[in-house]
Amino acid sequence: MDRENKGIMVDIEKCLACKSCEIACAVAHSKSKDLQEATQELPKPQRRVTVQAAGEFAVPLQCRHCEDAPCITVCPTAAIHREEADGPVLIEQDRCIGCKYCLVVCPFGVIEVSHDGKAMVKCDLCIERAKAGQEPACIEACPTGALKLGSEKELAAGKRQRAAQELVLATQKDKKRDPALREPKEKHKESTR
């Protein structure tokens, strides 16, 4: 699966705050990759997505894999890196010294200390699953389709489509409310002949 310039897009209107994404993420990053077994592992598997309440909405937050990632720049051991120029931002656990500089500079607050306190953890777009041709675990687990893997171009195209639909709906509502905006019936009949 091509991951270049891709990220996880969130439709907050579809999120139920069920936290299925959090559970699936933790299991995907566990040793066993099995829910029942993962609950017995030590240290406990850690999720890399957090469902955050925001007013009447719930927002699943994970690493945005910033183009100019401040976490990469600030990491003193180069543990945070990209394997490919347009690939996801990754943390090499063996090189991480847990200095927390990345946590401080992350604009989204999505980098956390591992449960054992030895390193930092964050979303890696399920790179191991990607190598096996699978989607990130959070996307696969989402029951409403609130999470999607997409590119910036796909995000922009989706926004344009929604904006066009909203404009059409608003125009139709205006025509129903204001008779002066409606075409005369005779003119409409002529155009359909």
N, C-alpha and C. Protein backbone atom coordinates (compact mmCIF):
# COMPACT_ATOMS: atom_id res chain seq x y z
N MET A 1 0.84 -1.18 0.00
CA MET A 1 0.00 0.00 0.00
C MET A 1 0.89 1.24 0.00
N ASP A 2 0.66 2.15 -0.91
CA ASP A 2 1.44 3.36 -1.04
C ASP A 2 1.14 4.30 0.13
N ARG A 3 2.15 4.73 0.86
CA ARG A 3 1.97 5.59 2.02
C ARG A 3 2.46 7.02 1.75
N GLU A 4 3.02 7.30 0.56
CA GLU A 4 3.59 8.60 0.30
C GLU A 4 2.54 9.69 0.44
N ASN A 5 2.92 10.73 1.17
CA ASN A 5 2.05 11.90 1.39
C ASN A 5 0.69 11.52 1.95
N LYS A 6 0.61 10.43 2.67
CA LYS A 6 -0.67 10.02 3.23
C LYS A 6 -0.69 10.21 4.73
N GLY A 7 -1.87 10.42 5.22
CA GLY A 7 -2.07 10.57 6.64
C GLY A 7 -3.47 10.12 7.00
N ILE A 8 -3.75 10.07 8.27
CA ILE A 8 -5.07 9.67 8.73
C ILE A 8 -5.95 10.91 8.81
N MET A 9 -7.05 10.83 8.09
CA MET A 9 -8.02 11.93 8.08
C MET A 9 -9.19 11.54 8.97
N VAL A 10 -9.72 12.51 9.68
CA VAL A 10 -10.78 12.28 10.66
C VAL A 10 -12.03 13.06 10.27
N ASP A 11 -13.17 12.35 10.23
CA ASP A 11 -14.46 13.01 10.06
C ASP A 11 -15.10 13.03 11.44
N ILE A 12 -14.96 14.16 12.15
CA ILE A 12 -15.40 14.21 13.55
C ILE A 12 -16.91 14.05 13.69
N GLU A 13 -17.65 14.32 12.64
CA GLU A 13 -19.10 14.16 12.73
C GLU A 13 -19.50 12.68 12.78
N LYS A 14 -18.59 11.79 12.37
CA LYS A 14 -18.87 10.36 12.39
C LYS A 14 -18.33 9.66 13.64
N CYS A 15 -17.45 10.32 14.39
CA CYS A 15 -16.82 9.67 15.54
C CYS A 15 -17.82 9.52 16.68
N LEU A 16 -17.93 8.29 17.21
CA LEU A 16 -18.83 7.98 18.32
C LEU A 16 -18.13 8.00 19.68
N ALA A 17 -16.84 8.24 19.68
CA ALA A 17 -16.02 8.18 20.90
C ALA A 17 -16.04 6.79 21.52
N CYS A 18 -16.16 5.76 20.69
CA CYS A 18 -16.21 4.38 21.18
C CYS A 18 -14.85 3.85 21.59
N LYS A 19 -13.80 4.51 21.13
CA LYS A 19 -12.41 4.17 21.44
C LYS A 19 -11.96 2.84 20.84
N SER A 20 -12.69 2.34 19.85
CA SER A 20 -12.26 1.13 19.14
C SER A 20 -10.89 1.35 18.51
N CYS A 21 -10.63 2.58 18.04
CA CYS A 21 -9.35 2.89 17.42
C CYS A 21 -8.21 2.78 18.44
N GLU A 22 -8.45 3.24 19.67
CA GLU A 22 -7.43 3.15 20.72
C GLU A 22 -7.09 1.71 21.03
N ILE A 23 -8.11 0.88 21.17
CA ILE A 23 -7.89 -0.53 21.50
C ILE A 23 -7.16 -1.24 20.36
N ALA A 24 -7.62 -1.02 19.13
CA ALA A 24 -7.00 -1.67 17.97
C ALA A 24 -5.54 -1.24 17.84
N CYS A 25 -5.26 0.02 18.10
CA CYS A 25 -3.90 0.53 18.03
C CYS A 25 -3.00 -0.16 19.06
N ALA A 26 -3.49 -0.25 20.28
CA ALA A 26 -2.70 -0.90 21.34
C ALA A 26 -2.43 -2.36 21.00
N VAL A 27 -3.45 -3.05 20.50
CA VAL A 27 -3.27 -4.47 20.13
C VAL A 27 -2.29 -4.60 18.97
N ALA A 28 -2.40 -3.72 17.98
CA ALA A 28 -1.49 -3.77 16.82
C ALA A 28 -0.04 -3.53 17.23
N HIS A 29 0.19 -2.80 18.33
CA HIS A 29 1.54 -2.53 18.79
C HIS A 29 1.94 -3.41 19.98
N SER A 30 1.13 -4.44 20.25
CA SER A 30 1.47 -5.38 21.32
C SER A 30 2.41 -6.45 20.81
N LYS A 31 2.96 -7.22 21.72
CA LYS A 31 3.84 -8.32 21.32
C LYS A 31 3.05 -9.43 20.64
N SER A 32 1.88 -9.77 21.19
CA SER A 32 1.10 -10.91 20.72
C SER A 32 0.21 -10.59 19.52
N LYS A 33 -0.19 -9.33 19.36
CA LYS A 33 -1.14 -8.90 18.31
C LYS A 33 -2.52 -9.53 18.49
N ASP A 34 -2.80 -9.97 19.72
CA ASP A 34 -4.08 -10.61 20.06
C ASP A 34 -4.67 -9.89 21.27
N LEU A 35 -5.95 -9.53 21.20
CA LEU A 35 -6.57 -8.74 22.26
C LEU A 35 -6.49 -9.43 23.62
N GLN A 36 -6.89 -10.68 23.71
CA GLN A 36 -6.88 -11.37 25.00
C GLN A 36 -5.47 -11.49 25.57
N GLU A 37 -4.53 -11.88 24.73
CA GLU A 37 -3.15 -12.02 25.20
C GLU A 37 -2.54 -10.67 25.55
N ALA A 38 -2.88 -9.64 24.77
CA ALA A 38 -2.31 -8.31 24.98
C ALA A 38 -2.68 -7.75 26.35
N THR A 39 -3.85 -8.13 26.86
CA THR A 39 -4.26 -7.62 28.18
C THR A 39 -3.39 -8.16 29.30
N GLN A 40 -2.66 -9.25 29.04
CA GLN A 40 -1.81 -9.86 30.07
C GLN A 40 -0.34 -9.46 29.93
N GLU A 41 0.00 -8.74 28.87
CA GLU A 41 1.39 -8.39 28.61
C GLU A 41 1.90 -7.32 29.58
N LEU A 42 3.19 -7.40 29.89
CA LEU A 42 3.86 -6.37 30.68
C LEU A 42 5.11 -5.94 29.94
N PRO A 43 5.36 -4.68 29.74
CA PRO A 43 4.44 -3.59 30.03
C PRO A 43 3.19 -3.69 29.15
N LYS A 44 2.12 -3.08 29.62
CA LYS A 44 0.86 -3.09 28.87
C LYS A 44 1.06 -2.45 27.50
N PRO A 45 0.41 -2.99 26.47
CA PRO A 45 0.49 -2.36 25.15
C PRO A 45 -0.05 -0.93 25.23
N GLN A 46 0.54 -0.06 24.43
CA GLN A 46 0.18 1.35 24.50
C GLN A 46 -0.42 1.82 23.18
N ARG A 47 -1.53 2.50 23.27
CA ARG A 47 -2.15 3.06 22.08
C ARG A 47 -1.39 4.30 21.64
N ARG A 48 -1.51 4.59 20.34
CA ARG A 48 -0.85 5.76 19.77
C ARG A 48 -1.85 6.75 19.18
N VAL A 49 -3.10 6.51 19.46
CA VAL A 49 -4.19 7.42 19.08
C VAL A 49 -4.99 7.67 20.35
N THR A 50 -5.46 8.89 20.52
CA THR A 50 -6.23 9.25 21.70
C THR A 50 -7.52 9.93 21.27
N VAL A 51 -8.65 9.42 21.73
CA VAL A 51 -9.92 10.07 21.45
C VAL A 51 -10.11 11.17 22.48
N GLN A 52 -10.12 12.40 22.01
CA GLN A 52 -10.18 13.58 22.87
C GLN A 52 -11.54 14.27 22.74
N ALA A 53 -12.19 14.53 23.86
CA ALA A 53 -13.45 15.27 23.84
C ALA A 53 -13.16 16.72 23.48
N ALA A 54 -14.03 17.28 22.64
CA ALA A 54 -13.91 18.68 22.23
C ALA A 54 -15.31 19.23 22.03
N GLY A 55 -15.87 19.79 23.09
CA GLY A 55 -17.25 20.27 23.01
C GLY A 55 -18.18 19.10 22.81
N GLU A 56 -19.04 19.19 21.82
CA GLU A 56 -20.00 18.12 21.54
C GLU A 56 -19.40 17.01 20.68
N PHE A 57 -18.15 17.16 20.29
CA PHE A 57 -17.50 16.19 19.43
C PHE A 57 -16.43 15.39 20.16
N ALA A 58 -16.03 14.29 19.55
CA ALA A 58 -14.88 13.52 19.99
C ALA A 58 -13.92 13.48 18.80
N VAL A 59 -12.65 13.70 19.06
CA VAL A 59 -11.67 13.78 17.99
C VAL A 59 -10.55 12.77 18.23
N PRO A 60 -10.43 11.77 17.37
CA PRO A 60 -9.29 10.86 17.47
C PRO A 60 -8.03 11.61 17.02
N LEU A 61 -7.05 11.71 17.90
CA LEU A 61 -5.82 12.43 17.59
C LEU A 61 -4.65 11.45 17.53
N GLN A 62 -3.84 11.62 16.50
CA GLN A 62 -2.61 10.86 16.35
C GLN A 62 -1.61 11.71 15.60
N CYS A 63 -0.40 11.24 15.50
CA CYS A 63 0.66 11.99 14.82
C CYS A 63 0.20 12.40 13.43
N ARG A 64 0.48 13.65 13.08
CA ARG A 64 0.11 14.19 11.77
C ARG A 64 1.24 13.99 10.77
N HIS A 65 2.37 13.44 11.20
CA HIS A 65 3.51 13.19 10.32
C HIS A 65 3.86 14.46 9.54
N CYS A 66 4.06 15.53 10.29
CA CYS A 66 4.30 16.86 9.73
C CYS A 66 5.39 16.84 8.66
N GLU A 67 5.18 17.65 7.63
CA GLU A 67 6.17 17.75 6.56
C GLU A 67 7.51 18.23 7.13
N ASP A 68 7.46 19.27 7.94
CA ASP A 68 8.66 19.81 8.58
C ASP A 68 8.55 19.50 10.07
N ALA A 69 8.67 18.23 10.41
CA ALA A 69 8.39 17.74 11.77
C ALA A 69 9.38 18.29 12.80
N PRO A 70 8.88 19.08 13.77
CA PRO A 70 9.78 19.62 14.79
C PRO A 70 10.38 18.54 15.68
N CYS A 71 9.68 17.42 15.82
CA CYS A 71 10.21 16.33 16.66
C CYS A 71 11.49 15.74 16.06
N ILE A 72 11.56 15.68 14.73
CA ILE A 72 12.78 15.17 14.07
C ILE A 72 13.92 16.13 14.33
N THR A 73 13.64 17.42 14.18
CA THR A 73 14.67 18.45 14.33
C THR A 73 15.25 18.47 15.75
N VAL A 74 14.40 18.30 16.75
CA VAL A 74 14.83 18.46 18.14
C VAL A 74 15.45 17.18 18.73
N CYS A 75 15.26 16.05 18.13
CA CYS A 75 15.74 14.78 18.70
C CYS A 75 17.27 14.74 18.72
N PRO A 76 17.89 14.65 19.90
CA PRO A 76 19.36 14.70 19.99
C PRO A 76 20.05 13.41 19.54
N THR A 77 19.32 12.31 19.43
CA THR A 77 19.95 11.04 19.05
C THR A 77 19.55 10.57 17.66
N ALA A 78 18.75 11.37 16.96
CA ALA A 78 18.22 11.02 15.64
C ALA A 78 17.36 9.75 15.69
N ALA A 79 16.77 9.50 16.86
CA ALA A 79 15.86 8.36 16.99
C ALA A 79 14.58 8.61 16.22
N ILE A 80 14.20 9.87 16.08
CA ILE A 80 13.00 10.21 15.31
C ILE A 80 13.45 10.56 13.90
N HIS A 81 12.89 9.85 12.96
CA HIS A 81 13.34 9.99 11.57
C HIS A 81 12.26 9.51 10.60
N ARG A 82 12.55 9.64 9.34
CA ARG A 82 11.73 9.06 8.27
C ARG A 82 12.61 8.08 7.51
N GLU A 83 12.06 6.93 7.17
CA GLU A 83 12.81 5.97 6.36
C GLU A 83 12.85 6.43 4.91
N GLU A 84 11.77 7.11 4.49
CA GLU A 84 11.67 7.66 3.13
C GLU A 84 11.30 9.13 3.27
N ALA A 85 11.65 9.95 2.29
CA ALA A 85 11.42 11.39 2.36
C ALA A 85 9.96 11.73 2.63
N ASP A 86 9.03 11.01 2.04
CA ASP A 86 7.60 11.28 2.24
C ASP A 86 6.93 10.25 3.13
N GLY A 87 7.72 9.45 3.82
CA GLY A 87 7.16 8.39 4.67
C GLY A 87 6.75 8.93 6.04
N PRO A 88 6.19 8.05 6.85
CA PRO A 88 5.77 8.46 8.20
C PRO A 88 6.96 8.78 9.10
N VAL A 89 6.72 9.62 10.08
CA VAL A 89 7.72 9.95 11.09
C VAL A 89 7.74 8.79 12.09
N LEU A 90 8.91 8.22 12.31
CA LEU A 90 9.05 7.03 13.16
C LEU A 90 9.99 7.31 14.33
N ILE A 91 9.80 6.55 15.41
CA ILE A 91 10.72 6.62 16.55
C ILE A 91 11.40 5.27 16.68
N GLU A 92 12.73 5.29 16.60
CA GLU A 92 13.52 4.07 16.79
C GLU A 92 13.73 3.91 18.30
N GLN A 93 12.98 2.96 18.88
CA GLN A 93 12.96 2.79 20.33
C GLN A 93 14.34 2.58 20.95
N ASP A 94 15.21 1.84 20.27
CA ASP A 94 16.53 1.54 20.82
C ASP A 94 17.43 2.77 20.90
N ARG A 95 17.17 3.77 20.06
CA ARG A 95 17.99 4.99 20.06
C ARG A 95 17.40 6.10 20.93
N CYS A 96 16.12 5.98 21.27
CA CYS A 96 15.45 7.01 22.06
C CYS A 96 15.95 6.97 23.50
N ILE A 97 16.29 8.15 24.03
CA ILE A 97 16.78 8.23 25.41
C ILE A 97 15.70 8.77 26.36
N GLY A 98 14.51 9.01 25.84
CA GLY A 98 13.41 9.47 26.68
C GLY A 98 13.58 10.88 27.22
N CYS A 99 14.27 11.74 26.47
CA CYS A 99 14.53 13.11 26.94
C CYS A 99 13.28 14.00 26.91
N LYS A 100 12.28 13.60 26.17
CA LYS A 100 10.99 14.29 26.09
C LYS A 100 11.01 15.61 25.32
N TYR A 101 12.11 15.91 24.63
CA TYR A 101 12.13 17.13 23.81
C TYR A 101 11.04 17.09 22.75
N CYS A 102 10.83 15.92 22.17
CA CYS A 102 9.81 15.77 21.12
C CYS A 102 8.41 16.02 21.67
N LEU A 103 8.18 15.57 22.88
CA LEU A 103 6.88 15.79 23.54
C LEU A 103 6.63 17.30 23.70
N VAL A 104 7.66 18.03 24.06
CA VAL A 104 7.53 19.47 24.28
C VAL A 104 7.24 20.22 22.97
N VAL A 105 7.87 19.83 21.88
CA VAL A 105 7.70 20.59 20.63
C VAL A 105 6.55 20.12 19.76
N CYS A 106 5.97 18.97 20.05
CA CYS A 106 4.86 18.47 19.22
C CYS A 106 3.66 19.41 19.33
N PRO A 107 3.22 20.00 18.22
CA PRO A 107 2.10 20.95 18.28
C PRO A 107 0.75 20.29 18.56
N PHE A 108 0.68 18.96 18.44
CA PHE A 108 -0.59 18.26 18.62
C PHE A 108 -0.65 17.44 19.91
N GLY A 109 0.45 17.38 20.66
CA GLY A 109 0.46 16.66 21.92
C GLY A 109 0.25 15.17 21.77
N VAL A 110 0.74 14.59 20.70
CA VAL A 110 0.46 13.18 20.43
C VAL A 110 1.66 12.26 20.66
N ILE A 111 2.73 12.79 21.21
CA ILE A 111 3.88 11.96 21.57
C ILE A 111 3.83 11.76 23.07
N GLU A 112 3.97 10.51 23.50
CA GLU A 112 3.88 10.19 24.92
C GLU A 112 5.05 9.34 25.37
N VAL A 113 5.25 9.30 26.68
CA VAL A 113 6.26 8.44 27.26
C VAL A 113 5.72 7.01 27.27
N SER A 114 6.56 6.05 26.93
CA SER A 114 6.13 4.65 26.96
C SER A 114 5.79 4.24 28.39
N HIS A 115 4.97 3.21 28.51
CA HIS A 115 4.55 2.76 29.85
C HIS A 115 5.74 2.37 30.73
N ASP A 116 6.80 1.87 30.11
CA ASP A 116 7.96 1.49 30.92
C ASP A 116 8.89 2.68 31.17
N GLY A 117 8.57 3.85 30.60
CA GLY A 117 9.34 5.06 30.84
C GLY A 117 10.67 5.15 30.14
N LYS A 118 10.97 4.21 29.26
CA LYS A 118 12.28 4.17 28.63
C LYS A 118 12.39 4.93 27.32
N ALA A 119 11.26 5.15 26.66
CA ALA A 119 11.30 5.79 25.34
C ALA A 119 9.99 6.51 25.09
N MET A 120 9.91 7.16 23.96
CA MET A 120 8.71 7.87 23.56
C MET A 120 7.97 7.02 22.54
N VAL A 121 6.64 7.19 22.47
CA VAL A 121 5.84 6.46 21.49
C VAL A 121 4.87 7.42 20.79
N LYS A 122 4.54 7.10 19.56
CA LYS A 122 3.58 7.87 18.78
C LYS A 122 3.13 7.03 17.60
N CYS A 123 2.13 7.52 16.90
CA CYS A 123 1.61 6.82 15.73
C CYS A 123 2.72 6.65 14.68
N ASP A 124 2.79 5.46 14.13
CA ASP A 124 3.74 5.17 13.05
C ASP A 124 3.01 4.76 11.78
N LEU A 125 1.72 5.09 11.70
CA LEU A 125 0.85 4.68 10.58
C LEU A 125 0.86 3.17 10.40
N CYS A 126 1.08 2.46 11.51
CA CYS A 126 1.12 0.99 11.50
C CYS A 126 2.03 0.49 10.37
N ILE A 127 3.26 0.92 10.40
CA ILE A 127 4.20 0.62 9.32
C ILE A 127 4.36 -0.88 9.07
N GLU A 128 4.31 -1.68 10.14
CA GLU A 128 4.43 -3.13 9.95
C GLU A 128 3.20 -3.68 9.22
N ARG A 129 2.03 -3.19 9.56
CA ARG A 129 0.81 -3.61 8.87
C ARG A 129 0.85 -3.15 7.40
N ALA A 130 1.37 -1.94 7.17
CA ALA A 130 1.47 -1.41 5.81
C ALA A 130 2.34 -2.31 4.95
N LYS A 131 3.44 -2.79 5.53
CA LYS A 131 4.33 -3.69 4.79
C LYS A 131 3.63 -4.99 4.42
N ALA A 132 2.61 -5.36 5.21
CA ALA A 132 1.83 -6.57 4.93
C ALA A 132 0.60 -6.27 4.06
N GLY A 133 0.50 -5.01 3.58
CA GLY A 133 -0.61 -4.63 2.72
C GLY A 133 -1.91 -4.31 3.45
N GLN A 134 -1.81 -4.03 4.75
CA GLN A 134 -3.00 -3.72 5.55
C GLN A 134 -3.08 -2.23 5.85
N GLU A 135 -4.30 -1.79 6.19
CA GLU A 135 -4.51 -0.41 6.63
C GLU A 135 -4.07 -0.28 8.08
N PRO A 136 -3.86 0.95 8.55
CA PRO A 136 -3.61 1.13 9.98
C PRO A 136 -4.75 0.52 10.80
N ALA A 137 -4.42 -0.02 11.96
CA ALA A 137 -5.39 -0.72 12.81
C ALA A 137 -6.56 0.17 13.20
N CYS A 138 -6.29 1.44 13.49
CA CYS A 138 -7.37 2.34 13.93
C CYS A 138 -8.42 2.51 12.83
N ILE A 139 -7.99 2.59 11.60
CA ILE A 139 -8.92 2.75 10.48
C ILE A 139 -9.75 1.50 10.30
N GLU A 140 -9.10 0.36 10.34
CA GLU A 140 -9.79 -0.92 10.18
C GLU A 140 -10.82 -1.13 11.29
N ALA A 141 -10.53 -0.67 12.49
CA ALA A 141 -11.41 -0.91 13.64
C ALA A 141 -12.57 0.07 13.75
N CYS A 142 -12.49 1.21 13.08
CA CYS A 142 -13.51 2.25 13.25
C CYS A 142 -14.85 1.79 12.67
N PRO A 143 -15.89 1.66 13.51
CA PRO A 143 -17.16 1.12 13.04
C PRO A 143 -17.97 2.09 12.16
N THR A 144 -17.64 3.37 12.21
CA THR A 144 -18.42 4.35 11.44
C THR A 144 -17.68 4.91 10.24
N GLY A 145 -16.42 4.53 10.05
CA GLY A 145 -15.64 5.06 8.94
C GLY A 145 -15.19 6.50 9.19
N ALA A 146 -15.07 6.89 10.46
CA ALA A 146 -14.65 8.26 10.79
C ALA A 146 -13.18 8.48 10.46
N LEU A 147 -12.41 7.40 10.38
CA LEU A 147 -10.98 7.49 10.08
C LEU A 147 -10.72 6.93 8.69
N LYS A 148 -9.93 7.66 7.91
CA LYS A 148 -9.57 7.23 6.56
C LYS A 148 -8.10 7.55 6.33
N LEU A 149 -7.45 6.73 5.54
CA LEU A 149 -6.09 7.01 5.12
C LEU A 149 -6.17 7.71 3.78
N GLY A 150 -5.60 8.89 3.69
CA GLY A 150 -5.68 9.61 2.44
C GLY A 150 -4.54 10.60 2.27
N SER A 151 -4.46 11.12 1.06
CA SER A 151 -3.43 12.11 0.75
C SER A 151 -3.99 13.51 0.91
N GLU A 152 -3.12 14.48 0.85
CA GLU A 152 -3.55 15.88 0.91
C GLU A 152 -4.49 16.19 -0.26
N LYS A 153 -4.19 15.63 -1.42
CA LYS A 153 -5.04 15.86 -2.60
C LYS A 153 -6.44 15.29 -2.37
N GLU A 154 -6.50 14.09 -1.79
CA GLU A 154 -7.81 13.48 -1.52
C GLU A 154 -8.58 14.27 -0.47
N LEU A 155 -7.89 14.79 0.52
CA LEU A 155 -8.53 15.61 1.54
C LEU A 155 -9.12 16.87 0.90
N ALA A 156 -8.34 17.54 0.07
CA ALA A 156 -8.80 18.76 -0.60
C ALA A 156 -9.99 18.45 -1.52
N ALA A 157 -9.91 17.34 -2.25
CA ALA A 157 -11.01 16.97 -3.16
C ALA A 157 -12.28 16.69 -2.38
N GLY A 158 -12.16 16.03 -1.25
CA GLY A 158 -13.33 15.75 -0.41
C GLY A 158 -13.95 17.02 0.13
N LYS A 159 -13.10 17.96 0.54
CA LYS A 159 -13.61 19.23 1.05
C LYS A 159 -14.32 20.01 -0.06
N ARG A 160 -13.75 20.00 -1.26
CA ARG A 160 -14.40 20.69 -2.39
C ARG A 160 -15.76 20.08 -2.67
N GLN A 161 -15.83 18.75 -2.65
CA GLN A 161 -17.09 18.06 -2.91
C GLN A 161 -18.15 18.43 -1.87
N ARG A 162 -17.76 18.41 -0.59
CA ARG A 162 -18.71 18.78 0.47
C ARG A 162 -19.14 20.24 0.35
N ALA A 163 -18.20 21.13 0.02
CA ALA A 163 -18.55 22.55 -0.13
C ALA A 163 -19.53 22.74 -1.28
N ALA A 164 -19.32 22.03 -2.38
CA ALA A 164 -20.23 22.12 -3.52
C ALA A 164 -21.62 21.61 -3.14
N GLN A 165 -21.68 20.48 -2.44
CA GLN A 165 -22.96 19.93 -2.02
C GLN A 165 -23.70 20.89 -1.08
N GLU A 166 -22.96 21.49 -0.14
CA GLU A 166 -23.59 22.43 0.78
C GLU A 166 -24.11 23.67 0.05
N LEU A 167 -23.38 24.12 -0.97
CA LEU A 167 -23.82 25.27 -1.75
C LEU A 167 -25.10 24.95 -2.52
N VAL A 168 -25.15 23.77 -3.12
CA VAL A 168 -26.35 23.35 -3.85
C VAL A 168 -27.54 23.25 -2.89
N LEU A 169 -27.35 22.63 -1.74
CA LEU A 169 -28.44 22.51 -0.77
C LEU A 169 -28.92 23.88 -0.29
N ALA A 170 -27.99 24.78 -0.03
CA ALA A 170 -28.36 26.13 0.42
C ALA A 170 -29.15 26.86 -0.66
N THR A 171 -28.73 26.70 -1.91
CA THR A 171 -29.44 27.34 -3.03
C THR A 171 -30.84 26.79 -3.16
N GLN A 172 -30.97 25.47 -3.03
CA GLN A 172 -32.30 24.85 -3.12
C GLN A 172 -33.21 25.31 -1.99
N LYS A 173 -32.68 25.44 -0.79
CA LYS A 173 -33.48 25.93 0.34
C LYS A 173 -33.91 27.37 0.11
N ASP A 174 -33.00 28.21 -0.42
CA ASP A 174 -33.34 29.60 -0.70
C ASP A 174 -34.47 29.70 -1.72
N LYS A 175 -34.44 28.86 -2.74
CA LYS A 175 -35.49 28.88 -3.77
C LYS A 175 -36.83 28.47 -3.20
N LYS A 176 -36.84 27.54 -2.26
CA LYS A 176 -38.09 27.10 -1.64
C LYS A 176 -38.68 28.20 -0.76
N ARG A 177 -37.82 28.96 -0.08
CA ARG A 177 -38.29 30.01 0.82
C ARG A 177 -38.71 31.28 0.08
N ASP A 178 -38.02 31.62 -1.01
CA ASP A 178 -38.28 32.88 -1.71
C ASP A 178 -38.82 32.60 -3.11
N PRO A 179 -40.13 32.78 -3.33
CA PRO A 179 -40.73 32.50 -4.63
C PRO A 179 -40.12 33.32 -5.77
N ALA A 180 -39.55 34.47 -5.49
CA ALA A 180 -38.95 35.30 -6.54
C ALA A 180 -37.71 34.64 -7.14
N LEU A 181 -37.08 33.74 -6.39
CA LEU A 181 -35.89 33.06 -6.90
C LEU A 181 -36.23 31.86 -7.79
N ARG A 182 -37.49 31.43 -7.75
CA ARG A 182 -37.89 30.27 -8.57
C ARG A 182 -38.12 30.71 -10.00
N GLU A 183 -37.82 29.82 -10.93
CA GLU A 183 -38.08 30.10 -12.34
C GLU A 183 -39.57 30.00 -12.59
N PRO A 184 -40.11 30.83 -13.48
CA PRO A 184 -41.52 30.68 -13.84
C PRO A 184 -41.74 29.30 -14.45
N LYS A 185 -42.91 28.70 -14.17
CA LYS A 185 -43.20 27.35 -14.65
C LYS A 185 -43.19 27.27 -16.16
N GLU A 186 -43.68 28.32 -16.83
CA GLU A 186 -43.72 28.30 -18.30
C GLU A 186 -42.31 28.24 -18.88
N LYS A 187 -41.40 29.02 -18.33
CA LYS A 187 -40.03 29.05 -18.80
C LYS A 187 -39.38 27.68 -18.60
N HIS A 188 -39.67 27.05 -17.45
CA HIS A 188 -39.11 25.74 -17.15
C HIS A 188 -39.62 24.70 -18.15
N LYS A 189 -40.90 24.78 -18.52
CA LYS A 189 -41.45 23.83 -19.47
C LYS A 189 -40.79 23.98 -20.83
N GLU A 190 -40.52 25.23 -21.25
CA GLU A 190 -39.87 25.47 -22.54
C GLU A 190 -38.49 24.85 -22.57
N SER A 191 -37.76 24.95 -21.50
CA SER A 191 -36.39 24.44 -21.48
C SER A 191 -36.33 22.93 -21.47
N THR A 192 -37.43 22.26 -21.10
CA THR A 192 -37.40 20.80 -21.06
C THR A 192 -37.93 20.18 -22.35
N ARG A 193 -38.45 21.00 -23.27
CA ARG A 193 -38.99 20.45 -24.53
C ARG A 193 -37.92 20.11 -25.50
